[in-house]
Every structure is written in structure tokens, then in C-alpha cells.
Protein backbone atom coordinates (compact mmCIF):
# COMPACT_ATOMS: atom_id res chain seq x y z
CA MET A 1 0.00 0.00 0.00
CA LYS A 2 1.23 3.49 -0.89
CA LYS A 3 0.37 6.40 1.41
CA LEU A 4 -0.83 9.37 -0.62
CA GLY A 5 -1.47 12.83 0.80
CA PHE A 6 -3.92 15.11 -1.01
CA ILE A 7 -4.42 18.89 -0.64
CA VAL A 8 -6.60 21.29 -2.63
CA ASN A 9 -6.11 25.05 -2.63
CA PRO A 10 -9.78 25.85 -3.31
CA MET A 11 -9.08 29.45 -4.40
CA ALA A 12 -6.37 28.61 -6.92
CA GLY A 13 -7.14 29.95 -10.39
CA ILE A 14 -10.25 31.88 -9.30
CA GLY A 15 -8.97 35.06 -10.95
CA GLY A 16 -8.43 33.46 -14.37
CA LYS A 17 -11.78 33.66 -16.16
CA VAL A 18 -12.49 37.14 -14.79
CA GLY A 19 -9.22 38.51 -16.17
CA LEU A 20 -7.42 39.25 -12.90
CA LYS A 21 -4.21 37.50 -14.03
CA GLY A 22 -3.74 35.72 -10.73
CA SER A 23 -5.49 34.67 -7.54
CA ASP A 24 -3.06 35.53 -4.75
CA GLY A 25 -4.27 37.58 -1.80
CA ASP A 26 -7.58 38.21 -0.06
CA ALA A 27 -8.30 41.39 -2.04
CA ILE A 28 -7.93 39.69 -5.44
CA GLN A 29 -10.00 36.70 -4.35
CA LYS A 30 -12.74 38.97 -3.06
CA LYS A 31 -12.73 40.96 -6.31
CA ALA A 32 -12.89 37.73 -8.33
CA LEU A 33 -15.98 36.62 -6.41
CA GLU A 34 -17.57 40.04 -6.89
CA LEU A 35 -16.99 39.67 -10.65
CA GLY A 36 -18.88 36.39 -10.62
CA ALA A 37 -16.01 33.92 -10.45
CA THR A 38 -16.62 30.53 -8.90
CA PRO A 39 -13.95 28.25 -7.38
CA GLU A 40 -12.90 25.60 -9.91
CA SER A 41 -9.77 24.11 -8.35
CA GLY A 42 -11.73 21.29 -6.72
CA LYS A 43 -13.51 20.45 -9.98
CA LYS A 44 -10.19 20.02 -11.76
CA ALA A 45 -8.73 18.01 -8.88
CA LEU A 46 -11.77 15.72 -9.09
CA ILE A 47 -10.66 14.66 -12.58
CA THR A 48 -7.40 13.44 -11.06
CA MET A 49 -8.96 11.67 -8.10
CA LYS A 50 -11.60 9.87 -10.15
CA ALA A 51 -8.75 8.29 -12.11
CA LEU A 52 -7.45 6.79 -8.84
CA LYS A 53 -10.61 4.77 -8.21
CA GLN A 54 -9.25 1.85 -10.21
CA VAL A 55 -6.11 1.65 -8.02
CA GLU A 56 -7.84 2.47 -4.74
CA ASP A 57 -6.86 -0.87 -3.18
CA SER A 58 -3.20 0.08 -3.58
CA LEU A 59 -3.56 3.44 -1.81
CA GLU A 60 -4.11 4.88 1.63
CA ILE A 61 -5.29 8.45 1.08
CA TYR A 62 -4.84 11.15 3.73
CA THR A 63 -6.32 14.60 3.21
CA TYR A 64 -7.58 17.76 4.88
CA PRO A 65 -11.23 18.67 5.65
CA ALA A 66 -13.99 19.95 3.37
CA GLU A 67 -12.90 21.91 0.28
CA MET A 68 -9.21 21.27 1.00
CA GLY A 69 -9.53 17.64 -0.08
CA ALA A 70 -12.17 15.61 1.74
CA ASP A 71 -15.05 16.89 -0.44
CA VAL A 72 -13.21 15.86 -3.62
CA CYS A 73 -12.30 12.42 -2.23
CA ARG A 74 -15.91 11.86 -1.22
CA GLU A 75 -17.24 12.87 -4.65
CA ALA A 76 -14.67 10.60 -6.33
CA GLY A 77 -15.85 7.71 -4.14
CA LEU A 78 -12.41 7.20 -2.59
CA LYS A 79 -11.78 5.94 0.93
CA HIS A 80 -9.78 8.54 2.83
CA THR A 81 -8.60 9.66 6.26
CA VAL A 82 -9.10 13.30 7.25
CA LEU A 83 -6.51 15.16 9.33
CA GLY A 84 -6.55 18.63 10.87
CA ASN A 85 -9.16 21.39 10.96
CA ILE A 86 -10.00 24.42 8.82
CA GLU A 87 -12.50 27.27 8.85
CA LYS A 88 -14.68 26.20 5.95
CA GLY A 89 -14.97 28.78 3.19
CA ARG A 90 -12.07 30.87 4.50
CA THR A 91 -8.92 28.94 3.67
CA THR A 92 -5.55 30.71 3.50
CA PRO A 93 -1.97 29.95 2.38
CA GLU A 94 -1.21 29.18 6.02
CA ASP A 95 -3.81 26.39 5.87
CA THR A 96 -1.94 24.90 2.91
CA ILE A 97 1.35 25.04 4.83
CA ARG A 98 -0.20 23.46 7.93
CA ALA A 99 -1.87 20.76 5.85
CA ALA A 100 1.35 19.90 4.01
CA ARG A 101 3.27 19.62 7.28
CA ALA A 102 0.60 17.46 8.91
CA LEU A 103 0.47 15.14 5.93
CA ARG A 104 4.26 14.96 5.75
CA ASP A 105 4.29 13.87 9.40
CA ALA A 106 1.92 11.03 8.46
CA LYS A 107 4.94 9.43 6.71
CA LEU A 108 3.61 9.72 3.18
CA ASP A 109 5.05 8.17 0.06
CA LEU A 110 3.91 11.19 -1.98
CA LEU A 111 1.98 14.44 -1.50
CA LEU A 112 -0.45 15.42 -4.28
CA PHE A 113 -1.63 19.04 -4.29
CA ALA A 114 -3.91 21.14 -6.49
CA GLY A 115 -3.08 24.80 -7.11
CA GLY A 116 -0.73 27.18 -8.90
CA ASP A 117 2.72 28.64 -8.35
CA GLY A 118 1.74 30.22 -5.03
CA THR A 119 0.52 26.85 -3.78
CA ALA A 120 3.77 25.22 -4.88
CA ARG A 121 5.65 27.82 -2.84
CA ASN A 122 3.50 27.04 0.21
CA VAL A 123 4.16 23.30 -0.17
CA MET A 124 7.88 23.95 -0.63
CA ASP A 125 7.94 26.05 2.55
CA ALA A 126 6.26 23.19 4.41
CA VAL A 127 8.08 20.08 3.16
CA GLY A 128 11.07 21.16 1.05
CA THR A 129 12.51 18.11 -0.66
CA SER A 130 11.80 15.77 2.27
CA ILE A 131 9.08 13.85 0.40
CA PRO A 132 8.06 13.50 -3.27
CA VAL A 133 5.20 15.73 -4.40
CA LEU A 134 3.19 16.33 -7.56
CA GLY A 135 1.04 19.31 -8.49
CA ILE A 136 -2.36 19.18 -10.17
CA PRO A 137 -2.45 22.38 -12.28
CA THR A 138 -5.43 24.52 -11.25
CA GLY A 139 -3.83 27.98 -11.09
CA CYS A 140 -3.89 30.83 -13.63
CA LYS A 141 -0.39 30.92 -15.12
CA ILE A 142 1.95 28.17 -14.02
CA HIS A 143 5.70 28.71 -14.38
CA SER A 144 6.93 25.99 -12.02
CA GLY A 145 8.12 22.60 -13.24
CA VAL A 146 6.40 20.59 -10.48
CA TYR A 147 3.01 20.10 -12.13
CA ALA A 148 1.55 17.32 -14.23
CA VAL A 149 0.64 18.31 -17.79
CA ASN A 150 -3.04 18.45 -16.78
CA PRO A 151 -5.39 16.96 -14.14
CA ARG A 152 -6.13 13.83 -16.18
CA THR A 153 -2.43 13.11 -16.65
CA ALA A 154 -1.87 13.65 -12.93
CA GLY A 155 -4.33 10.82 -12.32
CA ILE A 156 -2.57 8.54 -14.78
CA LEU A 157 0.81 9.27 -13.20
CA MET A 158 -0.55 8.67 -9.70
CA GLY A 159 -2.00 5.37 -10.87
CA GLU A 160 1.41 4.26 -12.08
CA PHE A 161 2.91 5.45 -8.82
CA ALA A 162 0.36 3.42 -6.83
CA LEU A 163 1.26 0.29 -8.79
CA GLY A 164 5.00 0.82 -8.30
CA LYS A 165 5.68 1.56 -11.98
CA VAL A 166 7.11 5.01 -11.22
CA ARG A 167 9.75 5.00 -8.48
CA GLU A 168 12.51 7.44 -9.32
CA THR A 169 12.30 11.11 -8.37
CA ARG A 170 14.11 14.30 -9.31
CA GLU A 171 14.22 17.88 -8.08
CA ALA A 172 12.24 20.46 -10.05
CA GLU A 173 12.08 24.24 -9.87
CA VAL A 174 9.43 26.21 -7.98
CA MET A 175 8.96 29.52 -9.80
CA ASP A 176 6.57 32.40 -9.18
CA ILE A 177 5.88 35.86 -10.59
CA ASP A 178 5.13 39.22 -9.03
CA GLU A 179 1.37 39.41 -9.73
CA ASP A 180 1.21 43.20 -9.22
CA LEU A 181 3.85 43.70 -11.93
CA PHE A 182 2.15 41.04 -14.05
CA ARG A 183 -1.05 43.09 -14.07
CA GLN A 184 1.03 45.98 -15.43
CA GLY A 185 2.24 43.80 -18.30
CA ILE A 186 5.62 42.98 -16.73
CA VAL A 187 6.54 39.32 -16.34
CA GLN A 188 9.14 38.95 -13.61
CA ALA A 189 9.57 35.33 -12.58
CA ARG A 190 12.07 34.15 -9.99
CA LEU A 191 13.28 30.85 -8.63
CA TYR A 192 12.17 30.18 -5.05
CA GLY A 193 13.54 26.69 -4.56
CA TYR A 194 12.93 23.05 -5.39
CA LEU A 195 10.48 20.24 -4.78
CA ARG A 196 11.06 16.55 -5.42
CA ILE A 197 8.72 15.10 -8.05
CA PRO A 198 8.27 11.75 -9.86
CA ASN A 199 10.85 11.41 -12.63
CA GLU A 200 8.41 11.03 -15.53
CA ALA A 201 9.16 13.72 -18.10
CA LYS A 202 6.29 12.94 -20.49
CA MET A 203 3.64 13.58 -17.85
CA VAL A 204 5.14 16.63 -16.13
CA GLN A 205 5.12 20.08 -17.74
CA ASN A 206 8.31 21.99 -18.43
CA LEU A 207 9.27 25.35 -17.01
CA LYS A 208 7.92 28.29 -19.00
CA SER A 209 10.74 29.61 -21.18
CA GLY A 210 11.44 33.12 -22.42
CA GLN A 211 12.18 34.48 -25.86
CA GLY A 212 14.97 33.16 -28.03
CA PHE A 213 17.21 35.10 -30.36
CA SER A 214 15.21 34.27 -33.50
CA GLU A 215 11.86 35.41 -32.11
CA GLY A 216 11.77 38.88 -33.62
CA ALA A 217 12.04 38.05 -37.31
CA SER A 218 9.67 35.11 -37.11
CA ILE A 219 7.01 37.09 -35.23
CA GLU A 220 7.33 39.98 -37.68
CA LEU A 221 6.69 37.65 -40.63
CA LEU A 222 3.73 35.81 -39.11
CA SER A 223 2.22 39.14 -37.97
CA ASN A 224 2.39 40.46 -41.52
CA TYR A 225 0.75 37.29 -42.83
CA ILE A 226 -2.13 37.35 -40.35
CA ALA A 227 -2.68 41.09 -40.88
CA ASP A 228 -2.80 40.59 -44.66
CA ASN A 229 -5.40 37.84 -44.25
CA TRP A 230 -7.54 39.61 -41.66
CA GLU A 231 -11.31 39.35 -42.23
CA ASP A 232 -13.35 42.47 -41.53
CA ASP A 233 -16.64 40.64 -40.89
CA VAL A 234 -15.28 38.45 -38.08
CA LEU A 235 -15.19 39.08 -34.34
CA TYR A 236 -11.63 38.23 -33.32
CA ILE A 237 -10.95 37.04 -29.77
CA VAL A 238 -7.27 37.78 -29.27
CA GLY A 239 -5.44 35.91 -26.52
CA THR A 240 -2.55 36.86 -24.28
CA GLY A 241 1.15 37.09 -25.05
CA SER A 242 3.82 39.01 -26.91
CA THR A 243 3.12 37.21 -30.20
CA THR A 244 -0.54 38.23 -30.30
CA ALA A 245 0.48 41.71 -29.14
CA ALA A 246 2.75 41.98 -32.19
CA ILE A 247 -0.14 40.98 -34.47
CA MET A 248 -2.37 43.66 -32.96
CA LYS A 249 0.41 46.25 -33.30
CA LYS A 250 0.78 45.34 -36.96
CA LEU A 251 -2.96 46.02 -37.38
CA GLY A 252 -2.66 49.33 -35.55
CA LEU A 253 -4.96 48.11 -32.79
CA PRO A 254 -4.58 48.59 -29.02
CA ASN A 255 -3.69 45.47 -27.07
CA THR A 256 -3.70 44.21 -23.50
CA LEU A 257 -0.49 42.18 -23.36
CA LEU A 258 -1.69 39.86 -20.61
CA GLY A 259 -5.42 40.12 -21.25
CA VAL A 260 -7.95 39.09 -23.90
CA ASP A 261 -9.12 41.71 -26.41
CA LEU A 262 -11.97 41.72 -28.96
CA THR A 263 -11.87 43.40 -32.35
CA TYR A 264 -14.20 43.63 -35.36
CA GLY A 265 -13.70 45.36 -38.69
CA ARG A 266 -10.17 46.37 -37.65
CA LYS A 267 -11.60 48.35 -34.75
CA PRO A 268 -11.35 47.56 -31.03
CA ILE A 269 -14.57 46.30 -29.46
CA ALA A 270 -13.48 45.54 -25.89
CA SER A 271 -10.21 45.11 -24.00
CA ASP A 272 -8.99 42.96 -21.10
CA CYS A 273 -12.23 40.96 -21.17
CA THR A 274 -13.57 38.44 -18.70
CA GLU A 275 -15.17 35.18 -19.85
CA ARG A 276 -18.61 36.63 -19.10
CA GLU A 277 -17.92 39.75 -21.20
CA ILE A 278 -16.70 37.68 -24.14
CA LEU A 279 -19.81 35.49 -24.12
CA ARG A 280 -22.10 38.54 -23.83
CA ILE A 281 -20.47 40.38 -26.75
CA MET A 282 -20.51 37.25 -28.92
CA ARG A 283 -24.31 37.34 -28.91
CA ASP A 284 -24.18 40.35 -31.24
CA TYR A 285 -22.02 38.67 -33.90
CA SER A 286 -22.30 35.63 -36.15
CA LYS A 287 -18.70 34.88 -37.17
CA PHE A 288 -15.82 34.37 -34.75
CA LYS A 289 -12.14 33.49 -34.66
CA ILE A 290 -9.78 32.97 -31.75
CA ILE A 291 -6.10 33.90 -32.03
CA VAL A 292 -3.72 32.34 -29.50
CA THR A 293 -0.04 31.62 -29.24
CA VAL A 294 2.04 28.85 -27.69
CA ILE A 295 3.61 29.16 -24.25
CA GLY A 296 7.32 28.73 -24.84
CA GLY A 297 8.87 25.61 -23.36
CA GLN A 298 5.50 24.25 -22.20
CA GLY A 299 3.40 24.10 -25.36
CA TYR A 300 0.04 25.16 -23.93
CA ILE A 301 -2.40 27.00 -26.18
CA PHE A 302 -5.36 27.00 -23.79
CA GLY A 303 -5.55 26.80 -20.01
CA ARG A 304 -2.45 28.76 -19.01
CA GLY A 305 -2.90 32.50 -18.61
CA ASN A 306 -5.86 32.73 -21.00
CA GLN A 307 -8.67 31.10 -18.99
CA GLN A 308 -10.95 33.94 -20.11
CA ILE A 309 -11.12 32.05 -23.41
CA SER A 310 -13.01 29.30 -21.64
CA ALA A 311 -14.45 26.01 -22.78
CA SER A 312 -17.79 27.77 -23.33
CA VAL A 313 -16.16 30.36 -25.61
CA ILE A 314 -14.23 27.69 -27.55
CA LYS A 315 -17.42 25.66 -28.11
CA LYS A 316 -19.15 28.67 -29.67
CA VAL A 317 -16.19 29.51 -31.90
CA GLY A 318 -15.42 25.97 -33.05
CA ARG A 319 -12.13 24.19 -33.66
CA ASP A 320 -11.84 25.27 -37.30
CA ASN A 321 -11.91 28.95 -36.32
CA ILE A 322 -8.92 28.83 -33.99
CA ILE A 323 -5.71 30.48 -35.25
CA VAL A 324 -2.51 29.39 -33.51
CA ALA A 325 0.57 31.53 -34.20
CA ALA A 326 4.05 31.00 -32.79
CA SER A 327 7.64 31.68 -33.73
CA LYS A 328 9.70 28.85 -35.14
CA ASN A 329 11.89 29.11 -32.05
CA LYS A 330 8.94 28.32 -29.76
CA ILE A 331 7.94 25.29 -31.78
CA LEU A 332 11.51 24.00 -31.93
CA SER A 333 11.90 24.49 -28.17
CA LEU A 334 9.24 21.82 -27.61
CA PHE A 335 11.61 19.19 -29.05
CA GLY A 336 8.81 17.30 -30.77
CA LYS A 337 6.42 17.35 -27.82
CA PRO A 338 2.76 18.11 -28.58
CA LEU A 339 0.81 21.27 -27.94
CA TYR A 340 -1.39 21.05 -24.85
CA VAL A 341 -4.89 22.14 -23.89
CA ASP A 342 -6.27 22.20 -20.36
CA THR A 343 -9.68 23.89 -20.54
CA GLY A 344 -11.19 22.12 -17.54
CA ASP A 345 -13.83 20.56 -19.83
CA GLU A 346 -13.09 17.02 -21.02
CA GLU A 347 -15.47 17.35 -24.00
CA VAL A 348 -13.70 20.47 -25.27
CA ASN A 349 -10.25 19.00 -24.61
CA SER A 350 -11.27 15.99 -26.71
CA MET A 351 -12.60 18.26 -29.49
CA LEU A 352 -9.24 20.04 -29.69
CA ARG A 353 -7.12 16.90 -29.90
CA GLY A 354 -5.45 15.94 -33.16
CA TYR A 355 -3.34 17.99 -35.54
CA MET A 356 -3.64 21.75 -35.78
CA ARG A 357 -2.00 24.24 -38.10
CA VAL A 358 0.43 26.65 -36.45
CA ILE A 359 1.43 29.78 -38.38
CA VAL A 360 5.19 30.31 -38.00
CA GLY A 361 6.00 32.84 -40.75
CA TYR A 362 4.61 34.55 -43.83
CA GLY A 363 2.63 31.78 -45.51
CA GLU A 364 4.58 29.23 -43.50
CA SER A 365 2.95 26.83 -41.11
CA VAL A 366 3.56 23.51 -39.43
CA MET A 367 1.12 20.82 -38.36
CA ALA A 368 1.43 20.24 -34.64
CA LYS A 369 -0.23 17.51 -32.62
CA VAL A 370 -2.56 18.76 -29.87
CA SER A 371 -2.92 16.67 -26.75
CA ASP A 372 -4.62 17.05 -23.39
């Protein structure tokens, strides 16, 4: 029997769909709730835990009360032991630290936690590299290399761990950004330390990488191509990132570097939109396209930093109306790995699987495999 600890940060990622570019701090979480956000971390963690039902007899699961783990275990139909106490509905980073320490003291084989970079920092502060851990990605923009590719893959990896098929571990970086600067369009990530994770490269996401030396020319060419093929009778939903910002600049349109903007007829319609705003504005139009780029080093096109373009938005737009643009350098940096989607909706993830065209220059494109 393997002893598995399980923690959920219930507020992780709550700022994503409402365009707050993070979820850290009481003020941001309160604002997210005022904007209509609902906690989704537990829903994503449930995907992972349901996958463990088939190996339940090989696991002893220890968790924390209510929304910090017990609720998810109960919904997944998993036997579990609850430790500690929390004030339901008012969890804090200190609760995560206390939970991680209490579970560590239960002599675990591995600690599984759901959250984002801030949660990874809390877990690192609590356990360091004393026990193996694995993150279920439920945050907004995840830079750390301690997370599974997505919740479903986390479940698969934990199943292999339970059966003794994955035994080796390695240290991986815990990174985080300054969210206040991030909201000003400045990405400033720093290394905080390391956690020990299962050594299974195909199921764990890479660190987010920065720009390479060949970025500029490639982005200039693909921006020209997209601008020259722009359709004036289409509502464009333009995702986050420097590549999409360059496209908007080429069109002479304002852009929110780390937000989602809408444009029609080469005129701005709305900027820094929430999911709710996008869906509301879409009611007034009949033709749509989404433009997104690839996160360098990780390969995500949906589910990292652009949660405003939600599963509901993607369903309305349709797979054939998604434009993916990325520099050749970004595609090469994936070393043959697929592009990833993590929308939180299994039906939409499945719809996006397969091969998708990625524009990499003027009239140049590659076919890249999309996985979830």
C-alpha cells in the first residue's frame, strides 16, 4: 500500500476567467468573487482523483477537511482519512502550509496538491525536498516545473505510482511571478527553490521559457501574414502574449499584453475581457475566430494565462476557427512534444485533440499535434 497525501487550494485559479491575471491575496480573491467567479480548483482536482478509483486498493489516502480535499475524495468515491481542521470557506496559504506539514508527518510516500505557483511555494515552505510531491495544475499561469501536464495526466501518473511503476524522483524548480507587476504587463519570474517530483518527463510540464534570439524576425513575418489575411466581418478574440500583441500592433490596434481583447472590422470592441464579457459580446455577432499563441517551453495554447477564453467560448467559436501563431523558435523548443490544452472541460479537450495548423511565418505553417 502506498500512502498518498492530497491537498486542494480551493481558491487557486479563481482570478483566471475574470481577467485578474492571478489569484493571490484576499483582495484579489474577493474581487474575483464580486466579478462572478466561482472556485474551480476542486472540480479540476476531481478529474485526477476519479482516475485513482481503479487503483484504490493500492492506496491509503490522507487529506484535509472539506474543500481542501475531503469533499473531492468523497465525490470521487475514494476511501480517505481526514486530518486537521479548517475554517470552511475561509482557507488561507497558512492552511496549505499546515496541511502539508501534517500530511508529511503522516509518513507519506507522496503528497499530491492542487493549485498554482503560489501553492507550490507554500508546499515547498512546508516540506522542502523531504518527500516526493506532484502538483495538479489549477492555477492561472503556471511557471513551475512541479506540475503534471493536466489533471487527467496527474491521475494517470498517480495510478502508475500506486502500482509501483514510477519510483525514481528528481528535483524540479518552484517559480513564481510578481502578480502586481504582471497586471502591469511585466513578467518577472524568480526561482524560489525546489520540490522533489516523480521522474516522468512525459507527464510533467516543463518550465515556462522566455524568448529566443530568432523570435523577432519570425514574429514579424507571421504578424504580416495574419494582418494581410484579416477578415473584416469576423469578431476576433485575441489571446494573451507578446506574439498576439505583435499581431495587434501590426494592425494598428490597441492590445492588452496579458489580457484578452476583442476586435471587429479592424476596430477595437473591448479590452482585457472576462469570460462573461466575451460570451455577452458574442451574442451580437455571427462569425468568430480565436487567435492564441504557444507558451514557450510548455506548449500550452489554452488553459495557461488565458482562462478567459473558456471552454464555453471555444465551443461557440469551433475548432476550425482557432488560429494558432508562434515563432519557429517556440515550436523547436518543444523538441517534438505536442501542444497542450487544459480547458477544464473534457469534452472540449477531446474536441481540440489531433493535428492543428500553427502559423510560424509569412505563408509558412507547421502541423502540430494537440494533446490534453
